[in-house]
């Protein structure tokens, strides 16, 4: 996984890529990052229940 920092309209962004050639990276700003952190246990539960 590759994590890069960027900016969009003057606001900080975090971009997550599987590798350098990832065509569809996952990007989000501070607001969504806070939401993810608040929901991390539910996200872990979701992954555990649906992972094959």
C-alpha atoms as a PDB file:
ATOM      1  CA  UNK A   1       0.000   0.000   0.000  1.00  0.00           C
ATOM      2  CA  UNK A   2       1.190   3.481  -0.851  1.00  0.00           C
ATOM      3  CA  UNK A   3      -0.029   6.562   1.011  1.00  0.00           C
ATOM      4  CA  UNK A   4       0.467   9.995  -0.519  1.00  0.00           C
ATOM      5  CA  UNK A   5      -0.529  13.437   0.676  1.00  0.00           C
ATOM      6  CA  UNK A   6      -1.976  15.996  -1.682  1.00  0.00           C
ATOM      7  CA  UNK A   7      -4.217  19.045  -1.773  1.00  0.00           C
ATOM      8  CA  UNK A   8      -7.587  19.759  -3.348  1.00  0.00           C
ATOM      9  CA  UNK A   9      -8.845  23.347  -3.429  1.00  0.00           C
ATOM     10  CA  UNK A  10      -6.380  24.216  -0.663  1.00  0.00           C
ATOM     11  CA  UNK A  11      -7.491  21.387   1.647  1.00  0.00           C
ATOM     12  CA  UNK A  12      -5.280  18.427   2.650  1.00  0.00           C
ATOM     13  CA  UNK A  13      -6.019  15.041   1.067  1.00  0.00           C
ATOM     14  CA  UNK A  14      -4.751  11.517   1.676  1.00  0.00           C
ATOM     15  CA  UNK A  15      -4.471   9.187  -1.313  1.00  0.00           C
ATOM     16  CA  UNK A  16      -4.201   5.415  -0.792  1.00  0.00           C
ATOM     17  CA  UNK A  17      -3.009   3.155  -3.617  1.00  0.00           C
ATOM     18  CA  UNK A  18      -2.558  -0.601  -3.787  1.00  0.00           C
ATOM     19  CA  UNK A  19       0.649  -0.008  -5.806  1.00  0.00           C
ATOM     20  CA  UNK A  20       2.178   2.621  -8.125  1.00  0.00           C
ATOM     21  CA  UNK A  21       0.047   1.470 -11.078  1.00  0.00           C
ATOM     22  CA  UNK A  22      -3.287   1.625  -9.189  1.00  0.00           C
ATOM     23  CA  UNK A  23      -5.742   3.248 -11.627  1.00  0.00           C
ATOM     24  CA  UNK A  24      -8.404   3.901  -8.990  1.00  0.00           C
ATOM     25  CA  UNK A  25      -6.806   5.220  -5.785  1.00  0.00           C
ATOM     26  CA  UNK A  26      -8.895   5.933  -2.686  1.00  0.00           C
ATOM     27  CA  UNK A  27      -8.683   9.566  -1.654  1.00  0.00           C
ATOM     28  CA  UNK A  28     -10.283  11.525   1.159  1.00  0.00           C
ATOM     29  CA  UNK A  29      -9.888  14.663   3.212  1.00  0.00           C
ATOM     30  CA  UNK A  30      -9.802  15.469   6.896  1.00  0.00           C
ATOM     31  CA  UNK A  31     -13.571  15.213   7.430  1.00  0.00           C
ATOM     32  CA  UNK A  32     -13.770  11.694   5.986  1.00  0.00           C
ATOM     33  CA  UNK A  33     -10.559  10.686   7.784  1.00  0.00           C
ATOM     34  CA  UNK A  34     -12.175  11.607  11.106  1.00  0.00           C
ATOM     35  CA  UNK A  35     -15.304   9.630  10.173  1.00  0.00           C
ATOM     36  CA  UNK A  36     -13.174   6.595   9.304  1.00  0.00           C
ATOM     37  CA  UNK A  37     -11.349   6.799  12.649  1.00  0.00           C
ATOM     38  CA  UNK A  38     -14.636   7.052  14.546  1.00  0.00           C
ATOM     39  CA  UNK A  39     -15.942   4.003  12.664  1.00  0.00           C
ATOM     40  CA  UNK A  40     -12.780   1.870  12.618  1.00  0.00           C
ATOM     41  CA  UNK A  41     -14.182  -0.944  14.775  1.00  0.00           C
ATOM     42  CA  UNK A  42     -17.272  -1.261  12.566  1.00  0.00           C
ATOM     43  CA  UNK A  43     -15.038  -1.282   9.479  1.00  0.00           C
ATOM     44  CA  UNK A  44     -12.883  -4.052  10.993  1.00  0.00           C
ATOM     45  CA  UNK A  45     -16.035  -6.041  11.806  1.00  0.00           C
ATOM     46  CA  UNK A  46     -17.328  -5.579   8.245  1.00  0.00           C
ATOM     47  CA  UNK A  47     -14.041  -6.830   6.758  1.00  0.00           C
ATOM     48  CA  UNK A  48     -13.919  -9.848   9.086  1.00  0.00           C
ATOM     49  CA  UNK A  49     -17.514 -10.824   8.271  1.00  0.00           C
ATOM     50  CA  UNK A  50     -17.094 -10.480   4.509  1.00  0.00           C
ATOM     51  CA  UNK A  51     -13.523 -11.570   3.865  1.00  0.00           C
ATOM     52  CA  UNK A  52     -13.129 -14.841   2.004  1.00  0.00           C
END
